């Protein structure tokens, strides 16, 4: 990834993820959390680039790294909890009888 011993000026999401030691799928999470800012004003579904110089400066900041770590942890905790709730609701609906559902609904 290094050209002439240095990073390219613009990094793709995959390259930015490599610098941060995270997954490429984590980069959009960090953009939504406003911890990473893409260059320019790219449309939502376009390829996004990040300034290498800005990213290298940010990774030196321990507080910023803690925010990144917390944002990713919170995102995945919420997502896993939502998935767990959907599974639990699906199992409850699968094993409940129509009579008990209508009775619970006040019918």
Protein backbone atom coordinates (compact mmCIF):
# COMPACT_ATOMS: atom_id res chain seq x y z
CA UNK A 1 0.00 0.00 0.00
CA UNK A 2 2.96 2.34 0.51
CA UNK A 3 4.34 4.13 -2.51
CA UNK A 4 7.88 5.43 -2.22
CA UNK A 5 7.80 4.65 1.49
CA UNK A 6 4.64 6.63 2.28
CA UNK A 7 0.88 6.27 2.12
CA UNK A 8 -1.04 7.70 -0.81
CA UNK A 9 -2.57 11.13 -0.13
CA UNK A 10 -6.11 9.77 -0.51
CA UNK A 11 -7.08 6.54 1.18
CA UNK A 12 -9.98 4.29 0.25
CA UNK A 13 -12.21 2.93 3.01
CA UNK A 14 -10.22 -0.33 2.91
CA UNK A 15 -6.93 1.51 3.27
CA UNK A 16 -8.30 3.72 6.07
CA UNK A 17 -9.54 0.57 7.84
CA UNK A 18 -6.06 -0.95 7.55
CA UNK A 19 -4.49 2.17 9.12
CA UNK A 20 -7.05 1.97 11.96
CA UNK A 21 -6.67 -1.82 12.31
CA UNK A 22 -10.40 -2.37 11.85
CA UNK A 23 -12.67 -3.93 9.24
CA UNK A 24 -13.63 -2.05 6.06
CA UNK A 25 -17.26 -2.48 7.15
CA UNK A 26 -16.45 -0.40 10.26
CA UNK A 27 -15.53 2.69 8.23
CA UNK A 28 -19.15 3.70 7.40
CA UNK A 29 -19.97 3.36 11.11
CA UNK A 30 -17.19 5.81 11.93
CA UNK A 31 -18.39 8.20 9.22
CA UNK A 32 -21.94 8.16 10.65
CA UNK A 33 -20.46 8.73 14.13
CA UNK A 34 -18.60 11.73 12.64
CA UNK A 35 -15.24 10.33 13.69
CA UNK A 36 -14.07 10.04 10.07
CA UNK A 37 -14.83 12.62 7.42
CA UNK A 38 -14.58 11.71 3.74
CA UNK A 39 -12.93 14.14 1.35
CA UNK A 40 -15.25 16.42 -0.59
CA UNK A 41 -18.99 15.89 -0.55
CA UNK A 42 -19.46 12.39 -1.99
CA UNK A 43 -22.95 11.03 -2.74
CA UNK A 44 -24.13 8.37 -0.26
CA UNK A 45 -23.45 5.35 -2.52
CA UNK A 46 -20.16 6.50 -4.00
CA UNK A 47 -16.58 5.52 -3.22
CA UNK A 48 -15.29 7.63 -0.37
CA UNK A 49 -11.72 8.80 0.10
CA UNK A 50 -10.05 9.94 3.30
CA UNK A 51 -7.04 12.23 3.76
CA UNK A 52 -4.04 10.17 4.81
CA UNK A 53 -2.43 13.14 6.56
CA UNK A 54 -5.56 13.78 8.64
CA UNK A 55 -5.96 10.12 9.53
CA UNK A 56 -2.30 9.76 10.53
CA UNK A 57 -2.68 12.80 12.77
CA UNK A 58 -5.85 11.41 14.38
CA UNK A 59 -4.33 8.00 15.14
CA UNK A 60 -1.76 9.75 17.32
CA UNK A 61 -4.58 11.00 19.58
CA UNK A 62 -5.37 8.43 22.27
CA UNK A 63 -8.70 10.10 23.13
CA UNK A 64 -9.81 9.92 19.48
CA UNK A 65 -8.83 6.24 19.32
CA UNK A 66 -10.89 5.60 22.45
CA UNK A 67 -13.89 7.31 20.79
CA UNK A 68 -13.43 5.13 17.71
CA UNK A 69 -13.26 1.99 19.84
CA UNK A 70 -16.33 3.00 21.88
CA UNK A 71 -18.36 3.92 18.76
CA UNK A 72 -17.62 0.55 17.15
CA UNK A 73 -18.35 -1.37 20.36
CA UNK A 74 -21.66 0.46 20.87
CA UNK A 75 -22.70 -0.09 17.26
CA UNK A 76 -22.10 -3.83 17.39
CA UNK A 77 -23.66 -4.19 20.86
CA UNK A 78 -26.84 -2.49 19.62
CA UNK A 79 -26.89 -4.52 16.44
CA UNK A 80 -26.36 -7.81 18.27
CA UNK A 81 -29.03 -6.92 20.85
CA UNK A 82 -31.49 -6.09 18.08
CA UNK A 83 -30.73 -9.38 16.34
CA UNK A 84 -31.16 -11.25 19.63
CA UNK A 85 -34.51 -9.53 20.22
CA UNK A 86 -35.70 -10.37 16.71
CA UNK A 87 -34.76 -14.01 17.21
CA UNK A 88 -36.47 -14.10 20.61
CA UNK A 89 -39.62 -12.47 19.19
CA UNK A 90 -39.61 -14.87 16.26
CA UNK A 91 -39.32 -17.90 18.54
CA UNK A 92 -42.05 -16.57 20.84
CA UNK A 93 -44.38 -16.07 17.87
CA UNK A 94 -43.50 -19.47 16.41
CA UNK A 95 -44.35 -21.34 19.60
CA UNK A 96 -47.37 -19.34 20.72
CA UNK A 97 -50.83 -20.49 19.68
CA UNK A 98 -53.24 -18.15 17.87
CA UNK A 99 -55.59 -18.41 20.84
CA UNK A 100 -52.96 -17.24 23.34
CA UNK A 101 -51.97 -14.38 21.02
CA UNK A 102 -55.58 -13.21 20.60
CA UNK A 103 -56.18 -13.59 24.35
CA UNK A 104 -53.06 -11.55 25.11
CA UNK A 105 -54.23 -8.89 22.67
CA UNK A 106 -57.49 -8.58 24.59
CA UNK A 107 -59.57 -10.68 22.20
